Amino acid sequence: MILLLGGTSESLAVADVLAKHQLPFVVSVISDYGEELAKQHAPAVVKTTFTEENFPAFCRQHQINLILDATHPFARVISQLAIDQASKLAIPYLRFERSSALKAAITLKMVDSTTEACAYLKTVSGKVYLSTGSKTAPDYAQSLGVDRLHVRVLPTTRVMTNLTAAGFVASQIDALQGPFSVALNVELFRHAGADIVVTKESGRRGGLQEKIAACEKLAIPCVIIRRPQIDYPQVVSSLEELKAYLEENDEW
């Protein structure tokens, strides 16, 4: 049985490959929204937050023989946990992560963390458009003041509740599900009156290039938080590489 650590659009594509070849697998997610999406691509889905205590028991109970990590590049806690537990349990670990879509652009400002992004934003003026997800929005609000911010997030009740608690009002929120074209990004940034955009170094599925292109069209800076650096034991960056790995290791 393969344990597919999900929660990204890439993980759904991986699930489709596993299902097409009738491989036994279970997808793990941490949210209701993720569970809803995953159930459209996989016959077995579990919503749970793995810990050092429950991860080994889960693997033994489900006879896991491969841990396939397709979580978000910034979900470093679960990735490191999976790497450590895979080593202890002597289970192969494979990271699926598409290559960064980042390209050079004069409008880019690269930083390593939310803290560093906030420090930079304090040195400039103007409206900040956050395209970094809802989890860190309260941190930006506390550091910069909520009045400077406009956020783009998934349209879920939990997200709206958290943003309201952080002081955001409806006029500061774009609650939309992607993907977003360059043209739509331009319109959203322009409508929000954005003077600067903050995002993360995601892959192509994350729409990073479209955000950069929109910033270039509007001649505004784009602050990009780099991916966390994790020493993955083994990585594939395409579905073709994944298929080759599975064939070489007799998974089908």
C-alpha atoms as a PDB file:
ATOM      1  CA  MET A   1       0.000   0.000   0.000  1.00  0.00           C
ATOM      2  CA  ILE A   2       1.302   3.455  -0.966  1.00  0.00           C
ATOM      3  CA  LEU A   3       0.794   6.409   1.364  1.00  0.00           C
ATOM      4  CA  LEU A   4       0.336   9.531  -0.752  1.00  0.00           C
ATOM      5  CA  LEU A   5       0.797  12.656   1.338  1.00  0.00           C
ATOM      6  CA  GLY A   6      -1.477  15.089  -0.471  1.00  0.00           C
ATOM      7  CA  GLY A   7      -2.904  18.561  -0.300  1.00  0.00           C
ATOM      8  CA  THR A   8      -1.690  20.007  -3.624  1.00  0.00           C
ATOM      9  CA  SER A   9      -2.938  19.946  -7.206  1.00  0.00           C
ATOM     10  CA  GLU A  10       0.167  17.893  -8.003  1.00  0.00           C
ATOM     11  CA  SER A  11      -0.934  15.237  -5.514  1.00  0.00           C
ATOM     12  CA  LEU A  12      -4.247  14.886  -7.364  1.00  0.00           C
ATOM     13  CA  ALA A  13      -2.384  14.289 -10.628  1.00  0.00           C
ATOM     14  CA  VAL A  14      -0.269  11.671  -8.850  1.00  0.00           C
ATOM     15  CA  ALA A  15      -3.416  10.049  -7.464  1.00  0.00           C
ATOM     16  CA  ASP A  16      -4.819   9.828 -10.990  1.00  0.00           C
ATOM     17  CA  VAL A  17      -1.696   7.955 -12.132  1.00  0.00           C
ATOM     18  CA  LEU A  18      -1.864   5.518  -9.224  1.00  0.00           C
ATOM     19  CA  ALA A  19      -5.585   4.934  -9.733  1.00  0.00           C
ATOM     20  CA  LYS A  20      -5.186   4.443 -13.492  1.00  0.00           C
ATOM     21  CA  HIS A  21      -2.671   1.663 -12.871  1.00  0.00           C
ATOM     22  CA  GLN A  22      -4.835   0.192 -10.090  1.00  0.00           C
ATOM     23  CA  LEU A  23      -2.139   0.517  -7.448  1.00  0.00           C
ATOM     24  CA  PRO A  24      -3.297   0.234  -3.829  1.00  0.00           C
ATOM     25  CA  PHE A  25      -2.886   3.629  -2.165  1.00  0.00           C
ATOM     26  CA  VAL A  26      -4.357   5.937   0.433  1.00  0.00           C
ATOM     27  CA  VAL A  27      -4.244   9.739   0.293  1.00  0.00           C
ATOM     28  CA  SER A  28      -3.774  11.761   3.471  1.00  0.00           C
ATOM     29  CA  VAL A  29      -4.983  15.367   3.746  1.00  0.00           C
ATOM     30  CA  ILE A  30      -5.406  17.772   6.648  1.00  0.00           C
ATOM     31  CA  SER A  31      -8.485  19.797   5.698  1.00  0.00           C
ATOM     32  CA  ASP A  32     -12.128  19.252   4.757  1.00  0.00           C
ATOM     33  CA  TYR A  33     -11.496  21.036   1.470  1.00  0.00           C
ATOM     34  CA  GLY A  34      -8.526  18.811   0.694  1.00  0.00           C
ATOM     35  CA  GLU A  35     -10.577  15.745   1.552  1.00  0.00           C
ATOM     36  CA  GLU A  36     -13.390  16.841  -0.758  1.00  0.00           C
ATOM     37  CA  LEU A  37     -10.988  17.271  -3.674  1.00  0.00           C
ATOM     38  CA  ALA A  38      -9.018  14.099  -3.013  1.00  0.00           C
ATOM     39  CA  LYS A  39     -12.151  11.930  -2.972  1.00  0.00           C
ATOM     40  CA  GLN A  40     -12.677  12.843  -6.621  1.00  0.00           C
ATOM     41  CA  HIS A  41      -9.327  11.236  -7.492  1.00  0.00           C
ATOM     42  CA  ALA A  42      -8.769   8.433  -4.985  1.00  0.00           C
ATOM     43  CA  PRO A  43     -10.871   5.586  -3.547  1.00  0.00           C
ATOM     44  CA  ALA A  44      -9.253   5.850  -0.101  1.00  0.00           C
ATOM     45  CA  VAL A  45      -8.780   9.215   1.606  1.00  0.00           C
ATOM     46  CA  VAL A  46      -8.005   9.950   5.249  1.00  0.00           C
ATOM     47  CA  LYS A  47      -8.113  13.362   6.893  1.00  0.00           C
ATOM     48  CA  THR A  48      -5.520  13.458   9.659  1.00  0.00           C
ATOM     49  CA  THR A  49      -2.600  15.381  11.067  1.00  0.00           C
ATOM     50  CA  PHE A  50       0.346  13.042  11.360  1.00  0.00           C
ATOM     51  CA  THR A  51       2.607  13.103  14.410  1.00  0.00           C
ATOM     52  CA  GLU A  52       5.573  11.078  15.620  1.00  0.00           C
ATOM     53  CA  GLU A  53       3.084   9.019  17.614  1.00  0.00           C
ATOM     54  CA  ASN A  54       0.396   8.185  15.052  1.00  0.00           C
ATOM     55  CA  PHE A  55       2.485   8.016  11.861  1.00  0.00           C
ATOM     56  CA  PRO A  56       4.214   4.668  12.631  1.00  0.00           C
ATOM     57  CA  ALA A  57       0.939   3.089  13.758  1.00  0.00           C
ATOM     58  CA  PHE A  58      -0.799   4.222  10.572  1.00  0.00           C
ATOM     59  CA  CYS A  59       1.951   2.797   8.390  1.00  0.00           C
ATOM     60  CA  ARG A  60       1.879  -0.547  10.184  1.00  0.00           C
ATOM     61  CA  GLN A  61      -1.916  -0.754  10.174  1.00  0.00           C
ATOM     62  CA  HIS A  62      -2.143  -0.076   6.438  1.00  0.00           C
ATOM     63  CA  GLN A  63       1.007  -2.044   5.545  1.00  0.00           C
ATOM     64  CA  ILE A  64       2.575   0.960   3.847  1.00  0.00           C
ATOM     65  CA  ASN A  65       5.494   0.010   1.589  1.00  0.00           C
ATOM     66  CA  LEU A  66       6.121   3.422  -0.026  1.00  0.00           C
ATOM     67  CA  ILE A  67       5.703   6.976   1.262  1.00  0.00           C
ATOM     68  CA  LEU A  68       5.032   9.329  -1.638  1.00  0.00           C
ATOM     69  CA  ASP A  69       5.267  12.938  -0.485  1.00  0.00           C
ATOM     70  CA  ALA A  70       3.381  15.377  -2.734  1.00  0.00           C
ATOM     71  CA  THR A  71       2.667  17.997  -0.091  1.00  0.00           C
ATOM     72  CA  HIS A  72       3.163  21.727  -0.621  1.00  0.00           C
ATOM     73  CA  PRO A  73       6.816  22.839  -0.856  1.00  0.00           C
ATOM     74  CA  PHE A  74       6.254  24.964   2.254  1.00  0.00           C
ATOM     75  CA  ALA A  75       4.779  22.096   4.303  1.00  0.00           C
ATOM     76  CA  ARG A  76       8.217  21.324   5.687  1.00  0.00           C
ATOM     77  CA  VAL A  77       6.976  19.912   9.014  1.00  0.00           C
ATOM     78  CA  ILE A  78       5.119  16.957   7.502  1.00  0.00           C
ATOM     79  CA  SER A  79       7.852  16.368   4.909  1.00  0.00           C
ATOM     80  CA  GLN A  80      10.572  16.203   7.559  1.00  0.00           C
ATOM     81  CA  LEU A  81       8.373  13.991   9.735  1.00  0.00           C
ATOM     82  CA  ALA A  82       7.784  11.610   6.827  1.00  0.00           C
ATOM     83  CA  ILE A  83      11.501  11.489   5.990  1.00  0.00           C
ATOM     84  CA  ASP A  84      12.453  10.737   9.596  1.00  0.00           C
ATOM     85  CA  GLN A  85       9.744   8.115  10.100  1.00  0.00           C
ATOM     86  CA  ALA A  86      10.427   6.458   6.762  1.00  0.00           C
ATOM     87  CA  SER A  87      14.034   5.977   7.851  1.00  0.00           C
ATOM     88  CA  LYS A  88      13.018   4.539  11.221  1.00  0.00           C
ATOM     89  CA  LEU A  89      10.424   2.221   9.677  1.00  0.00           C
ATOM     90  CA  ALA A  90      12.678   1.209   6.755  1.00  0.00           C
ATOM     91  CA  ILE A  91      10.045   2.326   4.245  1.00  0.00           C
ATOM     92  CA  PRO A  92      11.140   3.936   0.953  1.00  0.00           C
ATOM     93  CA  TYR A  93      10.416   7.682   0.764  1.00  0.00           C
ATOM     94  CA  LEU A  94       9.932   9.532  -2.526  1.00  0.00           C
ATOM     95  CA  ARG A  95       9.356  13.269  -2.908  1.00  0.00           C
ATOM     96  CA  PHE A  96       7.237  14.456  -5.842  1.00  0.00           C
ATOM     97  CA  GLU A  97       7.914  18.132  -6.488  1.00  0.00           C
ATOM     98  CA  ARG A  98       7.760  19.957  -9.779  1.00  0.00           C
ATOM     99  CA  SER A  99      10.730  22.160 -10.577  1.00  0.00           C
ATOM    100  CA  SER A 100      10.482  25.811  -9.630  1.00  0.00           C
ATOM    101  CA  ALA A 101       8.878  27.993 -12.283  1.00  0.00           C
ATOM    102  CA  LEU A 102      10.973  30.965 -11.238  1.00  0.00           C
ATOM    103  CA  LYS A 103      12.610  33.036 -13.938  1.00  0.00           C
ATOM    104  CA  ALA A 104      14.614  36.235 -13.796  1.00  0.00           C
ATOM    105  CA  ALA A 105      12.692  39.492 -13.712  1.00  0.00           C
ATOM    106  CA  ILE A 106      13.689  42.995 -12.698  1.00  0.00           C
ATOM    107  CA  THR A 107      10.612  43.359 -10.490  1.00  0.00           C
ATOM    108  CA  LEU A 108      11.505  40.430  -8.204  1.00  0.00           C
ATOM    109  CA  LYS A 109      12.590  40.659  -4.568  1.00  0.00           C
ATOM    110  CA  MET A 110      13.615  37.285  -3.104  1.00  0.00           C
ATOM    111  CA  VAL A 111      13.338  36.634   0.639  1.00  0.00           C
ATOM    112  CA  ASP A 112      13.629  33.524   2.819  1.00  0.00           C
ATOM    113  CA  SER A 113      10.699  33.872   5.213  1.00  0.00           C
ATOM    114  CA  THR A 114       7.540  35.724   6.193  1.00  0.00           C
ATOM    115  CA  THR A 115       9.590  37.636   8.777  1.00  0.00           C
ATOM    116  CA  GLU A 116      12.062  38.779   6.130  1.00  0.00           C
ATOM    117  CA  ALA A 117       9.199  39.721   3.793  1.00  0.00           C
ATOM    118  CA  CYS A 118       7.616  41.874   6.504  1.00  0.00           C
ATOM    119  CA  ALA A 119      10.950  43.525   7.265  1.00  0.00           C
ATOM    120  CA  TYR A 120      11.313  44.481   3.602  1.00  0.00           C
ATOM    121  CA  LEU A 121       7.698  45.675   3.298  1.00  0.00           C
ATOM    122  CA  LYS A 122       8.256  48.034   6.219  1.00  0.00           C
ATOM    123  CA  THR A 123      10.858  49.826   4.105  1.00  0.00           C
ATOM    124  CA  VAL A 124       8.408  50.564   1.282  1.00  0.00           C
ATOM    125  CA  SER A 125       4.997  52.209   1.130  1.00  0.00           C
ATOM    126  CA  GLY A 126       1.737  51.289  -0.539  1.00  0.00           C
ATOM    127  CA  LYS A 127      -0.920  48.592  -0.627  1.00  0.00           C
ATOM    128  CA  VAL A 128       0.342  45.011  -0.271  1.00  0.00           C
ATOM    129  CA  TYR A 129      -1.439  42.213  -2.136  1.00  0.00           C
ATOM    130  CA  LEU A 130      -0.895  38.904  -0.317  1.00  0.00           C
ATOM    131  CA  SER A 131      -1.021  35.780  -2.445  1.00  0.00           C
ATOM    132  CA  THR A 132       0.590  33.567   0.172  1.00  0.00           C
ATOM    133  CA  GLY A 133      -2.481  31.814   1.571  1.00  0.00           C
ATOM    134  CA  SER A 134      -4.536  32.494   4.664  1.00  0.00           C
ATOM    135  CA  LYS A 135      -2.293  30.835   7.245  1.00  0.00           C
ATOM    136  CA  THR A 136       0.268  33.661   7.432  1.00  0.00           C
ATOM    137  CA  ALA A 137      -2.129  36.564   6.741  1.00  0.00           C
ATOM    138  CA  PRO A 138      -2.528  37.314  10.489  1.00  0.00           C
ATOM    139  CA  ASP A 139       1.278  37.549  10.790  1.00  0.00           C
ATOM    140  CA  TYR A 140       1.397  40.195   8.059  1.00  0.00           C
ATOM    141  CA  ALA A 141      -1.527  42.033   9.657  1.00  0.00           C
ATOM    142  CA  GLN A 142       0.194  42.120  13.027  1.00  0.00           C
ATOM    143  CA  SER A 143       3.517  43.236  11.569  1.00  0.00           C
ATOM    144  CA  LEU A 144       2.359  45.730   8.935  1.00  0.00           C
ATOM    145  CA  GLY A 145      -1.131  46.713  10.052  1.00  0.00           C
ATOM    146  CA  VAL A 146      -4.184  45.161   8.428  1.00  0.00           C
ATOM    147  CA  ASP A 147      -5.125  48.371   6.593  1.00  0.00           C
ATOM    148  CA  ARG A 148      -2.161  47.984   4.207  1.00  0.00           C
ATOM    149  CA  LEU A 149      -3.218  44.527   3.094  1.00  0.00           C
ATOM    150  CA  HIS A 150      -5.404  42.827   0.512  1.00  0.00           C
ATOM    151  CA  VAL A 151      -5.454  39.006   0.459  1.00  0.00           C
ATOM    152  CA  ARG A 152      -6.332  36.258  -1.994  1.00  0.00           C
ATOM    153  CA  VAL A 153      -7.457  33.023  -0.362  1.00  0.00           C
ATOM    154  CA  LEU A 154      -9.546  29.918  -0.910  1.00  0.00           C
ATOM    155  CA  PRO A 155     -13.290  30.498  -0.398  1.00  0.00           C
ATOM    156  CA  THR A 156     -13.879  28.343   2.687  1.00  0.00           C
ATOM    157  CA  THR A 157     -15.694  29.112   5.934  1.00  0.00           C
ATOM    158  CA  ARG A 158     -12.640  28.363   8.057  1.00  0.00           C
ATOM    159  CA  VAL A 159     -10.478  30.744   6.054  1.00  0.00           C
ATOM    160  CA  MET A 160     -13.051  33.544   6.237  1.00  0.00           C
ATOM    161  CA  THR A 161     -13.406  33.056  10.002  1.00  0.00           C
ATOM    162  CA  ASN A 162      -9.651  33.272  10.534  1.00  0.00           C
ATOM    163  CA  LEU A 163      -9.301  36.377   8.364  1.00  0.00           C
ATOM    164  CA  THR A 164     -12.174  38.125  10.145  1.00  0.00           C
ATOM    165  CA  ALA A 165     -10.536  37.351  13.491  1.00  0.00           C
ATOM    166  CA  ALA A 166      -7.317  38.926  12.169  1.00  0.00           C
ATOM    167  CA  GLY A 167      -9.162  42.151  11.304  1.00  0.00           C
ATOM    168  CA  PHE A 168      -9.736  41.787   7.561  1.00  0.00           C
ATOM    169  CA  VAL A 169     -13.015  43.019   6.075  1.00  0.00           C
ATOM    170  CA  ALA A 170     -14.786  41.855   2.915  1.00  0.00           C
ATOM    171  CA  SER A 171     -13.358  44.626   0.726  1.00  0.00           C
ATOM    172  CA  GLN A 172      -9.831  43.379   1.514  1.00  0.00           C
ATOM    173  CA  ILE A 173     -10.438  39.770   0.498  1.00  0.00           C
ATOM    174  CA  ASP A 174     -10.452  38.019  -2.884  1.00  0.00           C
ATOM    175  CA  ALA A 175     -11.925  34.605  -2.059  1.00  0.00           C
ATOM    176  CA  LEU A 176     -11.299  32.660  -5.250  1.00  0.00           C
ATOM    177  CA  GLN A 177     -10.038  29.291  -6.392  1.00  0.00           C
ATOM    178  CA  GLY A 178      -7.436  29.231  -9.173  1.00  0.00           C
ATOM    179  CA  PRO A 179      -5.889  28.750 -11.607  1.00  0.00           C
ATOM    180  CA  PHE A 180      -5.429  32.431 -12.466  1.00  0.00           C
ATOM    181  CA  SER A 181      -4.345  33.747 -15.853  1.00  0.00           C
ATOM    182  CA  VAL A 182      -1.997  36.687 -16.273  1.00  0.00           C
ATOM    183  CA  ALA A 183      -4.946  38.839 -17.356  1.00  0.00           C
ATOM    184  CA  LEU A 184      -7.005  37.913 -14.279  1.00  0.00           C
ATOM    185  CA  ASN A 185      -4.041  38.564 -11.998  1.00  0.00           C
ATOM    186  CA  VAL A 186      -3.606  41.983 -13.583  1.00  0.00           C
ATOM    187  CA  GLU A 187      -7.265  42.831 -12.985  1.00  0.00           C
ATOM    188  CA  LEU A 188      -7.239  41.584  -9.391  1.00  0.00           C
ATOM    189  CA  PHE A 189      -4.033  43.451  -8.526  1.00  0.00           C
ATOM    190  CA  ARG A 190      -5.305  46.597 -10.221  1.00  0.00           C
ATOM    191  CA  HIS A 191      -8.740  46.401  -8.577  1.00  0.00           C
ATOM    192  CA  ALA A 192      -7.104  46.032  -5.152  1.00  0.00           C
ATOM    193  CA  GLY A 193      -4.892  49.038  -5.818  1.00  0.00           C
ATOM    194  CA  ALA A 194      -1.808  46.892  -5.225  1.00  0.00           C
ATOM    195  CA  ASP A 195       1.561  48.604  -5.123  1.00  0.00           C
ATOM    196  CA  ILE A 196       3.428  45.386  -4.355  1.00  0.00           C
ATOM    197  CA  VAL A 197       2.595  41.653  -4.480  1.00  0.00           C
ATOM    198  CA  VAL A 198       3.807  38.969  -2.092  1.00  0.00           C
ATOM    199  CA  THR A 199       3.781  35.301  -3.061  1.00  0.00           C
ATOM    200  CA  LYS A 200       5.654  32.027  -2.569  1.00  0.00           C
ATOM    201  CA  GLU A 201       8.077  30.157  -4.790  1.00  0.00           C
ATOM    202  CA  SER A 202       5.647  27.520  -5.978  1.00  0.00           C
ATOM    203  CA  GLY A 203       5.757  25.392  -9.099  1.00  0.00           C
ATOM    204  CA  ARG A 204       3.934  26.044 -12.351  1.00  0.00           C
ATOM    205  CA  ARG A 205       0.688  24.680 -10.903  1.00  0.00           C
ATOM    206  CA  GLY A 206       0.944  27.381  -8.251  1.00  0.00           C
ATOM    207  CA  GLY A 207       0.729  30.103 -10.886  1.00  0.00           C
ATOM    208  CA  LEU A 208       3.966  31.845  -9.962  1.00  0.00           C
ATOM    209  CA  GLN A 209       4.891  32.834 -13.515  1.00  0.00           C
ATOM    210  CA  GLU A 210       1.456  34.340 -14.087  1.00  0.00           C
ATOM    211  CA  LYS A 211       1.824  36.480 -10.970  1.00  0.00           C
ATOM    212  CA  ILE A 212       5.289  37.634 -12.008  1.00  0.00           C
ATOM    213  CA  ALA A 213       4.057  38.467 -15.512  1.00  0.00           C
ATOM    214  CA  ALA A 214       1.135  40.446 -14.084  1.00  0.00           C
ATOM    215  CA  CYS A 215       3.497  42.416 -11.851  1.00  0.00           C
ATOM    216  CA  GLU A 216       5.696  43.145 -14.853  1.00  0.00           C
ATOM    217  CA  LYS A 217       2.705  44.446 -16.829  1.00  0.00           C
ATOM    218  CA  LEU A 218       1.723  46.711 -13.935  1.00  0.00           C
ATOM    219  CA  ALA A 219       5.361  47.664 -13.228  1.00  0.00           C
ATOM    220  CA  ILE A 220       5.055  46.783  -9.534  1.00  0.00           C
ATOM    221  CA  PRO A 221       7.459  44.702  -7.391  1.00  0.00           C
ATOM    222  CA  CYS A 222       6.824  41.037  -6.620  1.00  0.00           C
ATOM    223  CA  VAL A 223       8.220  39.722  -3.334  1.00  0.00           C
ATOM    224  CA  ILE A 224       8.812  35.960  -3.477  1.00  0.00           C
ATOM    225  CA  ILE A 225       9.416  33.788  -0.436  1.00  0.00           C
ATOM    226  CA  ARG A 226      11.874  31.047  -1.387  1.00  0.00           C
ATOM    227  CA  ARG A 227      11.064  27.390  -0.861  1.00  0.00           C
ATOM    228  CA  PRO A 228      12.364  25.879   2.367  1.00  0.00           C
ATOM    229  CA  GLN A 229      15.499  23.842   1.763  1.00  0.00           C
ATOM    230  CA  ILE A 230      14.933  20.223   2.752  1.00  0.00           C
ATOM    231  CA  ASP A 231      17.365  17.392   2.085  1.00  0.00           C
ATOM    232  CA  TYR A 232      14.959  14.963   0.384  1.00  0.00           C
ATOM    233  CA  PRO A 233      16.352  11.412   0.103  1.00  0.00           C
ATOM    234  CA  GLN A 234      14.965  10.989  -3.423  1.00  0.00           C
ATOM    235  CA  VAL A 235      12.990  13.330  -5.686  1.00  0.00           C
ATOM    236  CA  VAL A 236      11.073  13.087  -8.950  1.00  0.00           C
ATOM    237  CA  SER A 237       9.790  16.218 -10.644  1.00  0.00           C
ATOM    238  CA  SER A 238       7.406  14.911 -13.300  1.00  0.00           C
ATOM    239  CA  LEU A 239       4.755  12.249 -13.734  1.00  0.00           C
ATOM    240  CA  GLU A 240       7.033  10.530 -16.261  1.00  0.00           C
ATOM    241  CA  GLU A 241       9.830  10.300 -13.677  1.00  0.00           C
ATOM    242  CA  LEU A 242       7.325   9.004 -11.129  1.00  0.00           C
ATOM    243  CA  LYS A 243       6.131   6.260 -13.501  1.00  0.00           C
ATOM    244  CA  ALA A 244       9.721   5.261 -14.208  1.00  0.00           C
ATOM    245  CA  TYR A 245      10.472   5.039 -10.476  1.00  0.00           C
ATOM    246  CA  LEU A 246       7.393   2.879  -9.829  1.00  0.00           C
ATOM    247  CA  GLU A 247       8.248   0.561 -12.708  1.00  0.00           C
ATOM    248  CA  GLU A 248      11.878   0.209 -11.598  1.00  0.00           C
ATOM    249  CA  ASN A 249      10.772  -0.606  -8.056  1.00  0.00           C
ATOM    250  CA  ASP A 250       8.116  -3.118  -9.116  1.00  0.00           C
ATOM    251  CA  GLU A 251       5.196  -1.074  -7.835  1.00  0.00           C
ATOM    252  CA  TRP A 252       3.168  -2.160 -10.890  1.00  0.00           C
END
